[in-house]
Amino acid sequence: LPGENIVIALVQKMAKTKVLAGENSGETLPHINIVKDIKQEDNKQGKLTLTNDFAINKNNFFVVAFIQNTQTLAITSTVNITLQ
C-alpha cells in the first residue's frame, strides 16, 4: 500500500560468544534474537530475498516480517515465520 513498506529479517534465536579480553575475559556470554539479515521492499513487486553467508540450523532461526508506515515508522502488522 502507498505509504507502507514490507520489511523482513532473518533472526538467529540464540548464540554464545566467548570473550577473549576486557572485563568479561574468559566468560561466555549468551545472545538472543540476533538479526543476521534485514531487507525492505523497495521494488514494489512484493519480492524480498534474504541472504546468508553461513550455514543455517533451521531450528535456531526464524523470519520476522512486518509492515511499517514510511512517515511515522509505526509498525502496523507483524508475523513470525518458522523455517522448514
N, C-alpha and C. Protein backbone atom coordinates (compact mmCIF):
# COMPACT_ATOMS: atom_id res chain seq x y z
N LEU A 1 0.83 -1.19 0.00
CA LEU A 1 0.00 0.00 0.00
C LEU A 1 0.88 1.25 0.00
N PRO A 2 0.37 2.32 -0.58
CA PRO A 2 1.14 3.57 -0.54
C PRO A 2 1.41 4.00 0.90
N GLY A 3 2.62 4.46 1.15
CA GLY A 3 2.97 4.92 2.48
C GLY A 3 3.37 3.82 3.44
N GLU A 4 3.48 2.58 2.93
CA GLU A 4 3.88 1.46 3.77
C GLU A 4 4.96 0.65 3.09
N ASN A 5 5.86 0.08 3.87
CA ASN A 5 6.90 -0.82 3.38
C ASN A 5 6.78 -2.15 4.08
N ILE A 6 7.14 -3.20 3.36
CA ILE A 6 7.26 -4.53 3.96
C ILE A 6 8.73 -4.73 4.30
N VAL A 7 8.98 -5.19 5.52
CA VAL A 7 10.35 -5.45 5.98
C VAL A 7 10.41 -6.89 6.46
N ILE A 8 11.49 -7.60 6.09
CA ILE A 8 11.69 -8.96 6.60
C ILE A 8 13.10 -9.07 7.18
N ALA A 9 13.21 -9.89 8.21
CA ALA A 9 14.50 -10.08 8.87
C ALA A 9 14.72 -11.56 9.16
N LEU A 10 15.95 -12.01 8.92
CA LEU A 10 16.38 -13.36 9.30
C LEU A 10 16.97 -13.24 10.70
N VAL A 11 16.39 -13.97 11.65
CA VAL A 11 16.77 -13.83 13.06
C VAL A 11 17.29 -15.16 13.60
N GLN A 12 18.46 -15.09 14.24
CA GLN A 12 19.02 -16.26 14.93
C GLN A 12 18.50 -16.23 16.35
N LYS A 13 17.91 -17.34 16.79
CA LYS A 13 17.29 -17.40 18.12
C LYS A 13 18.31 -17.23 19.25
N MET A 14 19.42 -17.96 19.18
CA MET A 14 20.41 -17.93 20.26
C MET A 14 21.82 -18.08 19.72
N ALA A 15 22.78 -17.49 20.43
CA ALA A 15 24.20 -17.66 20.12
C ALA A 15 24.98 -17.39 21.41
N LYS A 16 26.23 -17.82 21.42
CA LYS A 16 27.11 -17.56 22.55
C LYS A 16 28.42 -17.02 22.03
N THR A 17 29.02 -16.12 22.80
CA THR A 17 30.31 -15.54 22.44
C THR A 17 31.28 -15.75 23.60
N LYS A 18 32.43 -16.33 23.30
CA LYS A 18 33.48 -16.46 24.31
C LYS A 18 34.31 -15.18 24.26
N VAL A 19 34.34 -14.47 25.37
CA VAL A 19 35.04 -13.18 25.45
C VAL A 19 36.52 -13.44 25.73
N LEU A 20 37.38 -12.85 24.88
CA LEU A 20 38.81 -13.10 24.99
C LEU A 20 39.57 -12.01 25.73
N ALA A 21 38.97 -10.82 25.86
CA ALA A 21 39.68 -9.71 26.50
C ALA A 21 38.69 -8.81 27.22
N GLY A 22 39.22 -7.91 28.03
CA GLY A 22 38.37 -6.95 28.73
C GLY A 22 37.83 -7.47 30.04
N GLU A 23 36.90 -6.72 30.58
CA GLU A 23 36.39 -7.05 31.92
C GLU A 23 35.65 -8.38 31.99
N ASN A 24 35.14 -8.86 30.86
CA ASN A 24 34.45 -10.15 30.82
C ASN A 24 35.32 -11.26 30.23
N SER A 25 36.61 -11.05 30.18
CA SER A 25 37.54 -12.03 29.62
C SER A 25 37.33 -13.39 30.28
N GLY A 26 37.26 -14.42 29.43
CA GLY A 26 37.07 -15.78 29.94
C GLY A 26 35.62 -16.18 30.10
N GLU A 27 34.72 -15.22 30.03
CA GLU A 27 33.28 -15.51 30.17
C GLU A 27 32.71 -15.93 28.82
N THR A 28 31.61 -16.66 28.88
CA THR A 28 30.83 -16.97 27.69
C THR A 28 29.49 -16.26 27.85
N LEU A 29 29.20 -15.34 26.92
CA LEU A 29 28.00 -14.51 27.03
C LEU A 29 26.92 -15.00 26.06
N PRO A 30 25.69 -15.15 26.55
CA PRO A 30 24.59 -15.57 25.68
C PRO A 30 23.97 -14.36 24.96
N HIS A 31 23.45 -14.61 23.76
CA HIS A 31 22.75 -13.59 23.00
C HIS A 31 21.46 -14.22 22.46
N ILE A 32 20.39 -13.42 22.38
CA ILE A 32 19.13 -13.92 21.82
C ILE A 32 18.62 -12.97 20.74
N ASN A 33 17.90 -13.54 19.79
CA ASN A 33 17.25 -12.81 18.71
C ASN A 33 18.20 -11.86 17.98
N ILE A 34 19.17 -12.43 17.31
CA ILE A 34 20.20 -11.69 16.59
C ILE A 34 19.78 -11.55 15.13
N VAL A 35 19.61 -10.33 14.65
CA VAL A 35 19.22 -10.10 13.26
C VAL A 35 20.46 -10.32 12.39
N LYS A 36 20.38 -11.32 11.51
CA LYS A 36 21.51 -11.67 10.65
C LYS A 36 21.39 -11.02 9.27
N ASP A 37 20.17 -10.71 8.84
CA ASP A 37 19.94 -10.01 7.58
C ASP A 37 18.58 -9.34 7.65
N ILE A 38 18.44 -8.18 7.03
CA ILE A 38 17.16 -7.47 7.01
C ILE A 38 17.02 -6.79 5.66
N LYS A 39 15.82 -6.87 5.11
CA LYS A 39 15.54 -6.27 3.81
C LYS A 39 14.22 -5.51 3.87
N GLN A 40 14.16 -4.43 3.09
CA GLN A 40 12.95 -3.62 2.99
C GLN A 40 12.51 -3.61 1.54
N GLU A 41 11.21 -3.77 1.32
CA GLU A 41 10.70 -3.74 -0.05
C GLU A 41 10.92 -2.36 -0.65
N ASP A 42 11.62 -2.33 -1.78
CA ASP A 42 11.79 -1.07 -2.48
C ASP A 42 11.46 -1.20 -3.95
N ASN A 43 11.15 -2.42 -4.39
CA ASN A 43 10.85 -2.63 -5.81
C ASN A 43 9.35 -2.70 -6.08
N LYS A 44 8.54 -2.67 -5.04
CA LYS A 44 7.08 -2.69 -5.14
C LYS A 44 6.52 -3.90 -5.89
N GLN A 45 7.34 -4.93 -6.03
CA GLN A 45 6.88 -6.17 -6.66
C GLN A 45 6.47 -7.21 -5.63
N GLY A 46 6.68 -6.90 -4.35
CA GLY A 46 6.31 -7.83 -3.30
C GLY A 46 7.29 -8.96 -3.12
N LYS A 47 8.51 -8.82 -3.66
CA LYS A 47 9.51 -9.88 -3.54
C LYS A 47 10.72 -9.35 -2.77
N LEU A 48 11.12 -10.13 -1.78
CA LEU A 48 12.32 -9.82 -0.99
C LEU A 48 13.12 -11.10 -0.85
N THR A 49 14.44 -10.98 -0.88
CA THR A 49 15.30 -12.15 -0.73
C THR A 49 16.29 -11.90 0.40
N LEU A 50 16.29 -12.80 1.38
CA LEU A 50 17.27 -12.75 2.45
C LEU A 50 18.47 -13.58 2.03
N THR A 51 19.65 -13.12 2.39
CA THR A 51 20.86 -13.86 2.05
C THR A 51 21.62 -14.19 3.32
N ASN A 52 22.43 -15.22 3.20
CA ASN A 52 23.29 -15.58 4.32
C ASN A 52 24.58 -16.17 3.79
N ASP A 53 25.65 -15.90 4.49
CA ASP A 53 26.97 -16.41 4.12
C ASP A 53 27.43 -17.47 5.11
N PHE A 54 26.51 -18.14 5.76
CA PHE A 54 26.84 -19.08 6.81
C PHE A 54 25.84 -20.23 6.77
N ALA A 55 26.22 -21.34 7.35
CA ALA A 55 25.33 -22.49 7.42
C ALA A 55 24.21 -22.20 8.42
N ILE A 56 23.02 -22.58 8.06
CA ILE A 56 21.86 -22.34 8.92
C ILE A 56 21.36 -23.65 9.51
N ASN A 57 21.22 -23.67 10.82
CA ASN A 57 20.48 -24.72 11.51
C ASN A 57 19.05 -24.18 11.60
N LYS A 58 18.15 -24.70 10.80
CA LYS A 58 16.80 -24.15 10.71
C LYS A 58 16.09 -24.08 12.06
N ASN A 59 16.47 -24.92 13.00
CA ASN A 59 15.84 -24.90 14.32
C ASN A 59 16.26 -23.69 15.14
N ASN A 60 17.36 -23.01 14.74
CA ASN A 60 17.86 -21.87 15.50
C ASN A 60 17.60 -20.54 14.79
N PHE A 61 16.76 -20.54 13.76
CA PHE A 61 16.46 -19.32 13.02
C PHE A 61 14.97 -19.19 12.77
N PHE A 62 14.51 -17.96 12.58
CA PHE A 62 13.15 -17.70 12.12
C PHE A 62 13.16 -16.39 11.34
N VAL A 63 12.08 -16.13 10.65
CA VAL A 63 11.94 -14.90 9.87
C VAL A 63 10.83 -14.06 10.50
N VAL A 64 11.08 -12.77 10.62
CA VAL A 64 10.08 -11.82 11.07
C VAL A 64 9.73 -10.93 9.88
N ALA A 65 8.45 -10.75 9.63
CA ALA A 65 8.00 -9.84 8.58
C ALA A 65 7.06 -8.83 9.22
N PHE A 66 7.19 -7.58 8.78
CA PHE A 66 6.28 -6.56 9.30
C PHE A 66 6.02 -5.47 8.28
N ILE A 67 4.89 -4.79 8.47
CA ILE A 67 4.53 -3.66 7.63
C ILE A 67 4.77 -2.40 8.45
N GLN A 68 5.47 -1.43 7.83
CA GLN A 68 5.85 -0.21 8.55
C GLN A 68 5.43 1.02 7.75
N ASN A 69 4.82 1.98 8.44
CA ASN A 69 4.44 3.24 7.84
C ASN A 69 5.69 4.04 7.52
N THR A 70 5.81 4.55 6.30
CA THR A 70 7.02 5.25 5.88
C THR A 70 7.16 6.64 6.49
N GLN A 71 6.07 7.22 6.96
CA GLN A 71 6.13 8.55 7.56
C GLN A 71 6.35 8.50 9.07
N THR A 72 5.53 7.72 9.76
CA THR A 72 5.58 7.67 11.22
C THR A 72 6.49 6.58 11.75
N LEU A 73 6.85 5.62 10.88
CA LEU A 73 7.63 4.42 11.22
C LEU A 73 6.89 3.47 12.15
N ALA A 74 5.59 3.72 12.35
CA ALA A 74 4.78 2.80 13.16
C ALA A 74 4.66 1.46 12.45
N ILE A 75 4.75 0.39 13.22
CA ILE A 75 4.59 -0.96 12.69
C ILE A 75 3.13 -1.35 12.87
N THR A 76 2.49 -1.68 11.76
CA THR A 76 1.05 -1.92 11.80
C THR A 76 0.66 -3.41 11.77
N SER A 77 1.60 -4.27 11.37
CA SER A 77 1.30 -5.70 11.31
C SER A 77 2.61 -6.48 11.37
N THR A 78 2.60 -7.62 12.07
CA THR A 78 3.80 -8.45 12.17
C THR A 78 3.44 -9.94 12.05
N VAL A 79 4.44 -10.72 11.67
CA VAL A 79 4.29 -12.16 11.64
C VAL A 79 5.68 -12.80 11.83
N ASN A 80 5.71 -13.90 12.59
CA ASN A 80 6.93 -14.72 12.73
C ASN A 80 6.73 -15.96 11.87
N ILE A 81 7.78 -16.33 11.12
CA ILE A 81 7.70 -17.46 10.23
C ILE A 81 8.79 -18.47 10.60
N THR A 82 8.39 -19.70 10.88
CA THR A 82 9.32 -20.77 11.20
C THR A 82 9.93 -21.30 9.90
N LEU A 83 11.24 -21.54 9.91
CA LEU A 83 11.90 -22.12 8.75
C LEU A 83 11.63 -23.62 8.70
N GLN A 84 11.40 -24.13 7.50
CA GLN A 84 11.13 -25.56 7.34
C GLN A 84 12.08 -26.18 6.36
